[in-house]
Amino acid sequence: DPDAYADEVRADEREAAQLGATGVPFFV
């Protein structure tokens, strides 16, 4: 199911951008 947990992945990625993460690993 391509939609399963897709929103959760995108939410993590948006949050990383909001926190200023431009690369990984990034520990908070």
mmCIF file of all heavy atoms, coordinates in Angstrom:
data_MODEL
# 
_entry.id   MODEL 
# 
loop_
_atom_site.group_PDB 
_atom_site.id 
_atom_site.type_symbol 
_atom_site.label_atom_id 
_atom_site.label_alt_id 
_atom_site.label_comp_id 
_atom_site.label_asym_id 
_atom_site.label_entity_id 
_atom_site.label_seq_id 
_atom_site.pdbx_PDB_ins_code 
_atom_site.Cartn_x 
_atom_site.Cartn_y 
_atom_site.Cartn_z 
_atom_site.occupancy 
_atom_site.B_iso_or_equiv 
_atom_site.pdbx_formal_charge 
_atom_site.auth_seq_id 
_atom_site.auth_comp_id 
_atom_site.auth_asym_id 
_atom_site.auth_atom_id 
_atom_site.pdbx_PDB_model_num 
ATOM 1   N N   . ASP A 1 1  ? 0.851  -1.196 0.000  1.00 0.00 ? 1  ASP A N   1 
ATOM 2   C CA  . ASP A 1 1  ? 0.000  0.000  0.000  1.00 0.00 ? 1  ASP A CA  1 
ATOM 3   C C   . ASP A 1 1  ? 0.885  1.244  0.000  1.00 0.00 ? 1  ASP A C   1 
ATOM 4   O O   . ASP A 1 1  ? 1.459  1.598  1.033  1.00 0.00 ? 1  ASP A O   1 
ATOM 5   C CB  . ASP A 1 1  ? -0.893 -0.007 1.241  1.00 0.00 ? 1  ASP A CB  1 
ATOM 6   C CG  . ASP A 1 1  ? -1.787 1.226  1.336  1.00 0.00 ? 1  ASP A CG  1 
ATOM 7   O OD1 . ASP A 1 1  ? -1.739 2.073  0.410  1.00 0.00 ? 1  ASP A OD1 1 
ATOM 8   O OD2 . ASP A 1 1  ? -2.513 1.354  2.343  1.00 0.00 ? 1  ASP A OD2 1 
ATOM 9   N N   . PRO A 1 2  ? 1.027  1.931  -1.123 1.00 0.00 ? 2  PRO A N   1 
ATOM 10  C CA  . PRO A 1 2  ? 1.950  3.076  -1.196 1.00 0.00 ? 2  PRO A CA  1 
ATOM 11  C C   . PRO A 1 2  ? 1.578  4.237  -0.281 1.00 0.00 ? 2  PRO A C   1 
ATOM 12  O O   . PRO A 1 2  ? 2.413  5.100  -0.019 1.00 0.00 ? 2  PRO A O   1 
ATOM 13  C CB  . PRO A 1 2  ? 1.881  3.495  -2.670 1.00 0.00 ? 2  PRO A CB  1 
ATOM 14  C CG  . PRO A 1 2  ? 0.576  2.959  -3.160 1.00 0.00 ? 2  PRO A CG  1 
ATOM 15  C CD  . PRO A 1 2  ? 0.343  1.687  -2.411 1.00 0.00 ? 2  PRO A CD  1 
ATOM 16  N N   . ASP A 1 3  ? 0.341  4.242  0.217  1.00 0.00 ? 3  ASP A N   1 
ATOM 17  C CA  . ASP A 1 3  ? -0.073 5.320  1.116  1.00 0.00 ? 3  ASP A CA  1 
ATOM 18  C C   . ASP A 1 3  ? 0.180  5.008  2.582  1.00 0.00 ? 3  ASP A C   1 
ATOM 19  O O   . ASP A 1 3  ? 0.114  5.909  3.426  1.00 0.00 ? 3  ASP A O   1 
ATOM 20  C CB  . ASP A 1 3  ? -1.569 5.609  0.929  1.00 0.00 ? 3  ASP A CB  1 
ATOM 21  C CG  . ASP A 1 3  ? -1.877 6.189  -0.443 1.00 0.00 ? 3  ASP A CG  1 
ATOM 22  O OD1 . ASP A 1 3  ? -1.018 6.921  -0.969 1.00 0.00 ? 3  ASP A OD1 1 
ATOM 23  O OD2 . ASP A 1 3  ? -2.960 5.891  -0.982 1.00 0.00 ? 3  ASP A OD2 1 
ATOM 24  N N   . ALA A 1 4  ? 0.464  3.751  2.902  1.00 0.00 ? 4  ALA A N   1 
ATOM 25  C CA  . ALA A 1 4  ? 0.667  3.366  4.295  1.00 0.00 ? 4  ALA A CA  1 
ATOM 26  C C   . ALA A 1 4  ? 1.908  4.049  4.867  1.00 0.00 ? 4  ALA A C   1 
ATOM 27  O O   . ALA A 1 4  ? 3.013  3.869  4.347  1.00 0.00 ? 4  ALA A O   1 
ATOM 28  C CB  . ALA A 1 4  ? 0.803  1.848  4.406  1.00 0.00 ? 4  ALA A CB  1 
ATOM 29  N N   . TYR A 1 5  ? 1.706  4.832  5.896  1.00 0.00 ? 5  TYR A N   1 
ATOM 30  C CA  . TYR A 1 5  ? 2.759  5.559  6.611  1.00 0.00 ? 5  TYR A CA  1 
ATOM 31  C C   . TYR A 1 5  ? 3.482  6.601  5.746  1.00 0.00 ? 5  TYR A C   1 
ATOM 32  O O   . TYR A 1 5  ? 4.506  7.150  6.173  1.00 0.00 ? 5  TYR A O   1 
ATOM 33  C CB  . TYR A 1 5  ? 3.783  4.588  7.229  1.00 0.00 ? 5  TYR A CB  1 
ATOM 34  C CG  . TYR A 1 5  ? 3.159  3.622  8.203  1.00 0.00 ? 5  TYR A CG  1 
ATOM 35  C CD1 . TYR A 1 5  ? 2.787  2.337  7.799  1.00 0.00 ? 5  TYR A CD1 1 
ATOM 36  C CD2 . TYR A 1 5  ? 2.911  4.000  9.517  1.00 0.00 ? 5  TYR A CD2 1 
ATOM 37  C CE1 . TYR A 1 5  ? 2.182  1.454  8.680  1.00 0.00 ? 5  TYR A CE1 1 
ATOM 38  C CE2 . TYR A 1 5  ? 2.312  3.119  10.414 1.00 0.00 ? 5  TYR A CE2 1 
ATOM 39  C CZ  . TYR A 1 5  ? 1.941  1.848  9.987  1.00 0.00 ? 5  TYR A CZ  1 
ATOM 40  O OH  . TYR A 1 5  ? 1.346  0.986  10.870 1.00 0.00 ? 5  TYR A OH  1 
ATOM 41  N N   . ALA A 1 6  ? 2.965  6.885  4.578  1.00 0.00 ? 6  ALA A N   1 
ATOM 42  C CA  . ALA A 1 6  ? 3.590  7.905  3.726  1.00 0.00 ? 6  ALA A CA  1 
ATOM 43  C C   . ALA A 1 6  ? 3.490  9.281  4.385  1.00 0.00 ? 6  ALA A C   1 
ATOM 44  O O   . ALA A 1 6  ? 4.448  10.070 4.326  1.00 0.00 ? 6  ALA A O   1 
ATOM 45  C CB  . ALA A 1 6  ? 2.931  7.918  2.352  1.00 0.00 ? 6  ALA A CB  1 
ATOM 46  N N   . ASP A 1 7  ? 2.350  9.577  4.975  1.00 0.00 ? 7  ASP A N   1 
ATOM 47  C CA  . ASP A 1 7  ? 2.178  10.883 5.629  1.00 0.00 ? 7  ASP A CA  1 
ATOM 48  C C   . ASP A 1 7  ? 3.149  11.051 6.784  1.00 0.00 ? 7  ASP A C   1 
ATOM 49  O O   . ASP A 1 7  ? 3.660  12.155 7.019  1.00 0.00 ? 7  ASP A O   1 
ATOM 50  C CB  . ASP A 1 7  ? 0.741  11.038 6.135  1.00 0.00 ? 7  ASP A CB  1 
ATOM 51  C CG  . ASP A 1 7  ? -0.262 11.228 5.009  1.00 0.00 ? 7  ASP A CG  1 
ATOM 52  O OD1 . ASP A 1 7  ? 0.169  11.533 3.876  1.00 0.00 ? 7  ASP A OD1 1 
ATOM 53  O OD2 . ASP A 1 7  ? -1.471 11.064 5.261  1.00 0.00 ? 7  ASP A OD2 1 
ATOM 54  N N   . GLU A 1 8  ? 3.413  9.961  7.498  1.00 0.00 ? 8  GLU A N   1 
ATOM 55  C CA  . GLU A 1 8  ? 4.345  10.031 8.628  1.00 0.00 ? 8  GLU A CA  1 
ATOM 56  C C   . GLU A 1 8  ? 5.770  10.331 8.157  1.00 0.00 ? 8  GLU A C   1 
ATOM 57  O O   . GLU A 1 8  ? 6.501  11.104 8.797  1.00 0.00 ? 8  GLU A O   1 
ATOM 58  C CB  . GLU A 1 8  ? 4.311  8.713  9.418  1.00 0.00 ? 8  GLU A CB  1 
ATOM 59  C CG  . GLU A 1 8  ? 3.072  8.502  10.256 1.00 0.00 ? 8  GLU A CG  1 
ATOM 60  C CD  . GLU A 1 8  ? 1.896  7.943  9.469  1.00 0.00 ? 8  GLU A CD  1 
ATOM 61  O OE1 . GLU A 1 8  ? 1.932  7.935  8.208  1.00 0.00 ? 8  GLU A OE1 1 
ATOM 62  O OE2 . GLU A 1 8  ? 0.923  7.493  10.101 1.00 0.00 ? 8  GLU A OE2 1 
ATOM 63  N N   . VAL A 1 9  ? 6.150  9.737  7.045  1.00 0.00 ? 9  VAL A N   1 
ATOM 64  C CA  . VAL A 1 9  ? 7.480  10.000 6.490  1.00 0.00 ? 9  VAL A CA  1 
ATOM 65  C C   . VAL A 1 9  ? 7.593  11.467 6.075  1.00 0.00 ? 9  VAL A C   1 
ATOM 66  O O   . VAL A 1 9  ? 8.574  12.148 6.415  1.00 0.00 ? 9  VAL A O   1 
ATOM 67  C CB  . VAL A 1 9  ? 7.762  9.084  5.285  1.00 0.00 ? 9  VAL A CB  1 
ATOM 68  C CG1 . VAL A 1 9  ? 9.104  9.458  4.626  1.00 0.00 ? 9  VAL A CG1 1 
ATOM 69  C CG2 . VAL A 1 9  ? 7.782  7.624  5.713  1.00 0.00 ? 9  VAL A CG2 1 
ATOM 70  N N   . ARG A 1 10 ? 6.587  11.966 5.362  1.00 0.00 ? 10 ARG A N   1 
ATOM 71  C CA  . ARG A 1 10 ? 6.617  13.352 4.901  1.00 0.00 ? 10 ARG A CA  1 
ATOM 72  C C   . ARG A 1 10 ? 6.592  14.334 6.075  1.00 0.00 ? 10 ARG A C   1 
ATOM 73  O O   . ARG A 1 10 ? 7.246  15.389 6.028  1.00 0.00 ? 10 ARG A O   1 
ATOM 74  C CB  . ARG A 1 10 ? 5.438  13.619 3.966  1.00 0.00 ? 10 ARG A CB  1 
ATOM 75  C CG  . ARG A 1 10 ? 5.431  12.781 2.696  1.00 0.00 ? 10 ARG A CG  1 
ATOM 76  C CD  . ARG A 1 10 ? 6.726  12.917 1.924  1.00 0.00 ? 10 ARG A CD  1 
ATOM 77  N NE  . ARG A 1 10 ? 6.669  12.218 0.643  1.00 0.00 ? 10 ARG A NE  1 
ATOM 78  C CZ  . ARG A 1 10 ? 7.734  11.731 0.025  1.00 0.00 ? 10 ARG A CZ  1 
ATOM 79  N NH1 . ARG A 1 10 ? 8.939  11.875 0.574  1.00 0.00 ? 10 ARG A NH1 1 
ATOM 80  N NH2 . ARG A 1 10 ? 7.622  11.115 -1.144 1.00 0.00 ? 10 ARG A NH2 1 
ATOM 81  N N   . ALA A 1 11 ? 5.853  13.979 7.130  1.00 0.00 ? 11 ALA A N   1 
ATOM 82  C CA  . ALA A 1 11 ? 5.800  14.851 8.304  1.00 0.00 ? 11 ALA A CA  1 
ATOM 83  C C   . ALA A 1 11 ? 7.179  14.954 8.961  1.00 0.00 ? 11 ALA A C   1 
ATOM 84  O O   . ALA A 1 11 ? 7.610  16.037 9.376  1.00 0.00 ? 11 ALA A O   1 
ATOM 85  C CB  . ALA A 1 11 ? 4.777  14.329 9.305  1.00 0.00 ? 11 ALA A CB  1 
ATOM 86  N N   . ASP A 1 12 ? 7.890  13.831 9.055  1.00 0.00 ? 12 ASP A N   1 
ATOM 87  C CA  . ASP A 1 12 ? 9.255  13.847 9.606  1.00 0.00 ? 12 ASP A CA  1 
ATOM 88  C C   . ASP A 1 12 ? 10.154 14.754 8.771  1.00 0.00 ? 12 ASP A C   1 
ATOM 89  O O   . ASP A 1 12 ? 10.963 15.522 9.305  1.00 0.00 ? 12 ASP A O   1 
ATOM 90  C CB  . ASP A 1 12 ? 9.839  12.437 9.607  1.00 0.00 ? 12 ASP A CB  1 
ATOM 91  C CG  . ASP A 1 12 ? 9.424  11.623 10.824 1.00 0.00 ? 12 ASP A CG  1 
ATOM 92  O OD1 . ASP A 1 12 ? 8.711  12.168 11.688 1.00 0.00 ? 12 ASP A OD1 1 
ATOM 93  O OD2 . ASP A 1 12 ? 9.823  10.441 10.902 1.00 0.00 ? 12 ASP A OD2 1 
ATOM 94  N N   . GLU A 1 13 ? 10.017 14.659 7.458  1.00 0.00 ? 13 GLU A N   1 
ATOM 95  C CA  . GLU A 1 13 ? 10.885 15.431 6.575  1.00 0.00 ? 13 GLU A CA  1 
ATOM 96  C C   . GLU A 1 13 ? 10.583 16.926 6.664  1.00 0.00 ? 13 GLU A C   1 
ATOM 97  O O   . GLU A 1 13 ? 11.501 17.751 6.640  1.00 0.00 ? 13 GLU A O   1 
ATOM 98  C CB  . GLU A 1 13 ? 10.756 14.909 5.149  1.00 0.00 ? 13 GLU A CB  1 
ATOM 99  C CG  . GLU A 1 13 ? 11.307 13.489 5.013  1.00 0.00 ? 13 GLU A CG  1 
ATOM 100 C CD  . GLU A 1 13 ? 11.082 12.854 3.661  1.00 0.00 ? 13 GLU A CD  1 
ATOM 101 O OE1 . GLU A 1 13 ? 10.152 13.282 2.940  1.00 0.00 ? 13 GLU A OE1 1 
ATOM 102 O OE2 . GLU A 1 13 ? 11.833 11.931 3.316  1.00 0.00 ? 13 GLU A OE2 1 
ATOM 103 N N   . ARG A 1 14 ? 9.304  17.268 6.786  1.00 0.00 ? 14 ARG A N   1 
ATOM 104 C CA  . ARG A 1 14 ? 8.954  18.686 6.974  1.00 0.00 ? 14 ARG A CA  1 
ATOM 105 C C   . ARG A 1 14 ? 9.499  19.204 8.298  1.00 0.00 ? 14 ARG A C   1 
ATOM 106 O O   . ARG A 1 14 ? 10.004 20.333 8.393  1.00 0.00 ? 14 ARG A O   1 
ATOM 107 C CB  . ARG A 1 14 ? 7.437  18.860 6.925  1.00 0.00 ? 14 ARG A CB  1 
ATOM 108 C CG  . ARG A 1 14 ? 6.828  18.736 5.543  1.00 0.00 ? 14 ARG A CG  1 
ATOM 109 C CD  . ARG A 1 14 ? 5.393  19.248 5.528  1.00 0.00 ? 14 ARG A CD  1 
ATOM 110 N NE  . ARG A 1 14 ? 4.537  18.509 6.456  1.00 0.00 ? 14 ARG A NE  1 
ATOM 111 C CZ  . ARG A 1 14 ? 3.861  17.407 6.123  1.00 0.00 ? 14 ARG A CZ  1 
ATOM 112 N NH1 . ARG A 1 14 ? 3.951  16.913 4.904  1.00 0.00 ? 14 ARG A NH1 1 
ATOM 113 N NH2 . ARG A 1 14 ? 3.087  16.809 7.008  1.00 0.00 ? 14 ARG A NH2 1 
ATOM 114 N N   . GLU A 1 15 ? 9.406  18.378 9.323  1.00 0.00 ? 15 GLU A N   1 
ATOM 115 C CA  . GLU A 1 15 ? 9.883  18.794 10.639 1.00 0.00 ? 15 GLU A CA  1 
ATOM 116 C C   . GLU A 1 15 ? 11.392 18.987 10.640 1.00 0.00 ? 15 GLU A C   1 
ATOM 117 O O   . GLU A 1 15 ? 11.918 19.908 11.272 1.00 0.00 ? 15 GLU A O   1 
ATOM 118 C CB  . GLU A 1 15 ? 9.483  17.754 11.681 1.00 0.00 ? 15 GLU A CB  1 
ATOM 119 C CG  . GLU A 1 15 ? 9.530  18.273 13.100 1.00 0.00 ? 15 GLU A CG  1 
ATOM 120 C CD  . GLU A 1 15 ? 8.771  17.398 14.063 1.00 0.00 ? 15 GLU A CD  1 
ATOM 121 O OE1 . GLU A 1 15 ? 8.438  16.247 13.718 1.00 0.00 ? 15 GLU A OE1 1 
ATOM 122 O OE2 . GLU A 1 15 ? 8.505  17.872 15.178 1.00 0.00 ? 15 GLU A OE2 1 
ATOM 123 N N   . ALA A 1 16 ? 12.102 18.132 9.922  1.00 0.00 ? 16 ALA A N   1 
ATOM 124 C CA  . ALA A 1 16 ? 13.556 18.280 9.820  1.00 0.00 ? 16 ALA A CA  1 
ATOM 125 C C   . ALA A 1 16 ? 13.898 19.637 9.220  1.00 0.00 ? 16 ALA A C   1 
ATOM 126 O O   . ALA A 1 16 ? 14.806 20.336 9.694  1.00 0.00 ? 16 ALA A O   1 
ATOM 127 C CB  . ALA A 1 16 ? 14.140 17.160 8.969  1.00 0.00 ? 16 ALA A CB  1 
ATOM 128 N N   . ALA A 1 17 ? 13.165 20.024 8.162  1.00 0.00 ? 17 ALA A N   1 
ATOM 129 C CA  . ALA A 1 17 ? 13.401 21.322 7.528  1.00 0.00 ? 17 ALA A CA  1 
ATOM 130 C C   . ALA A 1 17 ? 13.110 22.463 8.499  1.00 0.00 ? 17 ALA A C   1 
ATOM 131 O O   . ALA A 1 17 ? 13.859 23.456 8.563  1.00 0.00 ? 17 ALA A O   1 
ATOM 132 C CB  . ALA A 1 17 ? 12.536 21.456 6.282  1.00 0.00 ? 17 ALA A CB  1 
ATOM 133 N N   . GLN A 1 18 ? 12.045 22.336 9.274  1.00 0.00 ? 18 GLN A N   1 
ATOM 134 C CA  . GLN A 1 18 ? 11.687 23.380 10.242 1.00 0.00 ? 18 GLN A CA  1 
ATOM 135 C C   . GLN A 1 18 ? 12.745 23.519 11.334 1.00 0.00 ? 18 GLN A C   1 
ATOM 136 O O   . GLN A 1 18 ? 12.981 24.613 11.849 1.00 0.00 ? 18 GLN A O   1 
ATOM 137 C CB  . GLN A 1 18 ? 10.328 23.062 10.861 1.00 0.00 ? 18 GLN A CB  1 
ATOM 138 C CG  . GLN A 1 18 ? 9.160  23.185 9.884  1.00 0.00 ? 18 GLN A CG  1 
ATOM 139 C CD  . GLN A 1 18 ? 7.883  22.563 10.407 1.00 0.00 ? 18 GLN A CD  1 
ATOM 140 O OE1 . GLN A 1 18 ? 7.839  22.039 11.524 1.00 0.00 ? 18 GLN A OE1 1 
ATOM 141 N NE2 . GLN A 1 18 ? 6.835  22.602 9.602  1.00 0.00 ? 18 GLN A NE2 1 
ATOM 142 N N   . LEU A 1 19 ? 13.389 22.400 11.671 1.00 0.00 ? 19 LEU A N   1 
ATOM 143 C CA  . LEU A 1 19 ? 14.428 22.425 12.707 1.00 0.00 ? 19 LEU A CA  1 
ATOM 144 C C   . LEU A 1 19 ? 15.779 22.882 12.157 1.00 0.00 ? 19 LEU A C   1 
ATOM 145 O O   . LEU A 1 19 ? 16.723 23.058 12.923 1.00 0.00 ? 19 LEU A O   1 
ATOM 146 C CB  . LEU A 1 19 ? 14.568 21.039 13.336 1.00 0.00 ? 19 LEU A CB  1 
ATOM 147 C CG  . LEU A 1 19 ? 13.402 20.579 14.213 1.00 0.00 ? 19 LEU A CG  1 
ATOM 148 C CD1 . LEU A 1 19 ? 13.540 19.101 14.555 1.00 0.00 ? 19 LEU A CD1 1 
ATOM 149 C CD2 . LEU A 1 19 ? 13.327 21.418 15.481 1.00 0.00 ? 19 LEU A CD2 1 
ATOM 150 N N   . GLY A 1 20 ? 15.859 23.043 10.858 1.00 0.00 ? 20 GLY A N   1 
ATOM 151 C CA  . GLY A 1 20 ? 17.097 23.523 10.255 1.00 0.00 ? 20 GLY A CA  1 
ATOM 152 C C   . GLY A 1 20 ? 18.059 22.436 9.830  1.00 0.00 ? 20 GLY A C   1 
ATOM 153 O O   . GLY A 1 20 ? 19.233 22.705 9.566  1.00 0.00 ? 20 GLY A O   1 
ATOM 154 N N   . ALA A 1 21 ? 17.586 21.197 9.745  1.00 0.00 ? 21 ALA A N   1 
ATOM 155 C CA  . ALA A 1 21 ? 18.448 20.094 9.331  1.00 0.00 ? 21 ALA A CA  1 
ATOM 156 C C   . ALA A 1 21 ? 18.600 20.102 7.817  1.00 0.00 ? 21 ALA A C   1 
ATOM 157 O O   . ALA A 1 21 ? 17.628 19.966 7.085  1.00 0.00 ? 21 ALA A O   1 
ATOM 158 C CB  . ALA A 1 21 ? 17.866 18.770 9.788  1.00 0.00 ? 21 ALA A CB  1 
ATOM 159 N N   . THR A 1 22 ? 19.818 20.272 7.348  1.00 0.00 ? 22 THR A N   1 
ATOM 160 C CA  . THR A 1 22 ? 20.083 20.244 5.913  1.00 0.00 ? 22 THR A CA  1 
ATOM 161 C C   . THR A 1 22 ? 20.813 18.971 5.503  1.00 0.00 ? 22 THR A C   1 
ATOM 162 O O   . THR A 1 22 ? 21.050 18.733 4.320  1.00 0.00 ? 22 THR A O   1 
ATOM 163 C CB  . THR A 1 22 ? 20.930 21.461 5.503  1.00 0.00 ? 22 THR A CB  1 
ATOM 164 O OG1 . THR A 1 22 ? 22.143 21.473 6.272  1.00 0.00 ? 22 THR A OG1 1 
ATOM 165 C CG2 . THR A 1 22 ? 20.164 22.748 5.758  1.00 0.00 ? 22 THR A CG2 1 
ATOM 166 N N   . GLY A 1 23 ? 21.191 18.172 6.477  1.00 0.00 ? 23 GLY A N   1 
ATOM 167 C CA  . GLY A 1 23 ? 21.878 16.913 6.217  1.00 0.00 ? 23 GLY A CA  1 
ATOM 168 C C   . GLY A 1 23 ? 21.672 15.975 7.388  1.00 0.00 ? 23 GLY A C   1 
ATOM 169 O O   . GLY A 1 23 ? 21.142 16.371 8.425  1.00 0.00 ? 23 GLY A O   1 
ATOM 170 N N   . VAL A 1 24 ? 22.097 14.740 7.210  1.00 0.00 ? 24 VAL A N   1 
ATOM 171 C CA  . VAL A 1 24 ? 21.950 13.734 8.255  1.00 0.00 ? 24 VAL A CA  1 
ATOM 172 C C   . VAL A 1 24 ? 23.263 12.969 8.428  1.00 0.00 ? 24 VAL A C   1 
ATOM 173 O O   . VAL A 1 24 ? 24.077 12.938 7.513  1.00 0.00 ? 24 VAL A O   1 
ATOM 174 C CB  . VAL A 1 24 ? 20.792 12.756 7.926  1.00 0.00 ? 24 VAL A CB  1 
ATOM 175 C CG1 . VAL A 1 24 ? 19.456 13.414 8.155  1.00 0.00 ? 24 VAL A CG1 1 
ATOM 176 C CG2 . VAL A 1 24 ? 20.875 12.229 6.499  1.00 0.00 ? 24 VAL A CG2 1 
ATOM 177 N N   . PRO A 1 25 ? 23.454 12.384 9.640  1.00 0.00 ? 25 PRO A N   1 
ATOM 178 C CA  . PRO A 1 25 ? 22.510 12.289 10.752 1.00 0.00 ? 25 PRO A CA  1 
ATOM 179 C C   . PRO A 1 25 ? 22.338 13.619 11.482 1.00 0.00 ? 25 PRO A C   1 
ATOM 180 O O   . PRO A 1 25 ? 23.244 14.436 11.532 1.00 0.00 ? 25 PRO A O   1 
ATOM 181 C CB  . PRO A 1 25 ? 23.140 11.241 11.672 1.00 0.00 ? 25 PRO A CB  1 
ATOM 182 C CG  . PRO A 1 25 ? 24.616 11.394 11.438 1.00 0.00 ? 25 PRO A CG  1 
ATOM 183 C CD  . PRO A 1 25 ? 24.741 11.696 9.967  1.00 0.00 ? 25 PRO A CD  1 
ATOM 184 N N   . PHE A 1 26 ? 21.150 13.788 12.045 1.00 0.00 ? 26 PHE A N   1 
ATOM 185 C CA  . PHE A 1 26 ? 20.821 14.987 12.801 1.00 0.00 ? 26 PHE A CA  1 
ATOM 186 C C   . PHE A 1 26 ? 20.131 14.532 14.087 1.00 0.00 ? 26 PHE A C   1 
ATOM 187 O O   . PHE A 1 26 ? 19.089 13.897 14.045 1.00 0.00 ? 26 PHE A O   1 
ATOM 188 C CB  . PHE A 1 26 ? 19.905 15.895 11.985 1.00 0.00 ? 26 PHE A CB  1 
ATOM 189 C CG  . PHE A 1 26 ? 19.671 17.242 12.603 1.00 0.00 ? 26 PHE A CG  1 
ATOM 190 C CD1 . PHE A 1 26 ? 20.691 18.182 12.677 1.00 0.00 ? 26 PHE A CD1 1 
ATOM 191 C CD2 . PHE A 1 26 ? 18.424 17.586 13.114 1.00 0.00 ? 26 PHE A CD2 1 
ATOM 192 C CE1 . PHE A 1 26 ? 20.474 19.431 13.247 1.00 0.00 ? 26 PHE A CE1 1 
ATOM 193 C CE2 . PHE A 1 26 ? 18.197 18.829 13.669 1.00 0.00 ? 26 PHE A CE2 1 
ATOM 194 C CZ  . PHE A 1 26 ? 19.229 19.756 13.744 1.00 0.00 ? 26 PHE A CZ  1 
ATOM 195 N N   . PHE A 1 27 ? 20.749 14.838 15.212 1.00 0.00 ? 27 PHE A N   1 
ATOM 196 C CA  . PHE A 1 27 ? 20.279 14.378 16.513 1.00 0.00 ? 27 PHE A CA  1 
ATOM 197 C C   . PHE A 1 27 ? 19.659 15.553 17.259 1.00 0.00 ? 27 PHE A C   1 
ATOM 198 O O   . PHE A 1 27 ? 20.270 16.629 17.353 1.00 0.00 ? 27 PHE A O   1 
ATOM 199 C CB  . PHE A 1 27 ? 21.439 13.828 17.353 1.00 0.00 ? 27 PHE A CB  1 
ATOM 200 C CG  . PHE A 1 27 ? 22.166 12.669 16.717 1.00 0.00 ? 27 PHE A CG  1 
ATOM 201 C CD1 . PHE A 1 27 ? 23.089 12.884 15.694 1.00 0.00 ? 27 PHE A CD1 1 
ATOM 202 C CD2 . PHE A 1 27 ? 21.950 11.363 17.146 1.00 0.00 ? 27 PHE A CD2 1 
ATOM 203 C CE1 . PHE A 1 27 ? 23.770 11.821 15.109 1.00 0.00 ? 27 PHE A CE1 1 
ATOM 204 C CE2 . PHE A 1 27 ? 22.628 10.302 16.558 1.00 0.00 ? 27 PHE A CE2 1 
ATOM 205 C CZ  . PHE A 1 27 ? 23.527 10.526 15.539 1.00 0.00 ? 27 PHE A CZ  1 
ATOM 206 N N   . VAL A 1 28 ? 18.474 15.361 17.805 1.00 0.00 ? 28 VAL A N   1 
ATOM 207 C CA  . VAL A 1 28 ? 17.799 16.402 18.580 1.00 0.00 ? 28 VAL A CA  1 
ATOM 208 C C   . VAL A 1 28 ? 17.508 15.854 19.971 1.00 0.00 ? 28 VAL A C   1 
ATOM 209 O O   . VAL A 1 28 ? 16.830 14.826 20.102 1.00 0.00 ? 28 VAL A O   1 
ATOM 210 C CB  . VAL A 1 28 ? 16.497 16.858 17.892 1.00 0.00 ? 28 VAL A CB  1 
ATOM 211 C CG1 . VAL A 1 28 ? 15.767 17.890 18.760 1.00 0.00 ? 28 VAL A CG1 1 
ATOM 212 C CG2 . VAL A 1 28 ? 16.810 17.457 16.521 1.00 0.00 ? 28 VAL A CG2 1 
# 
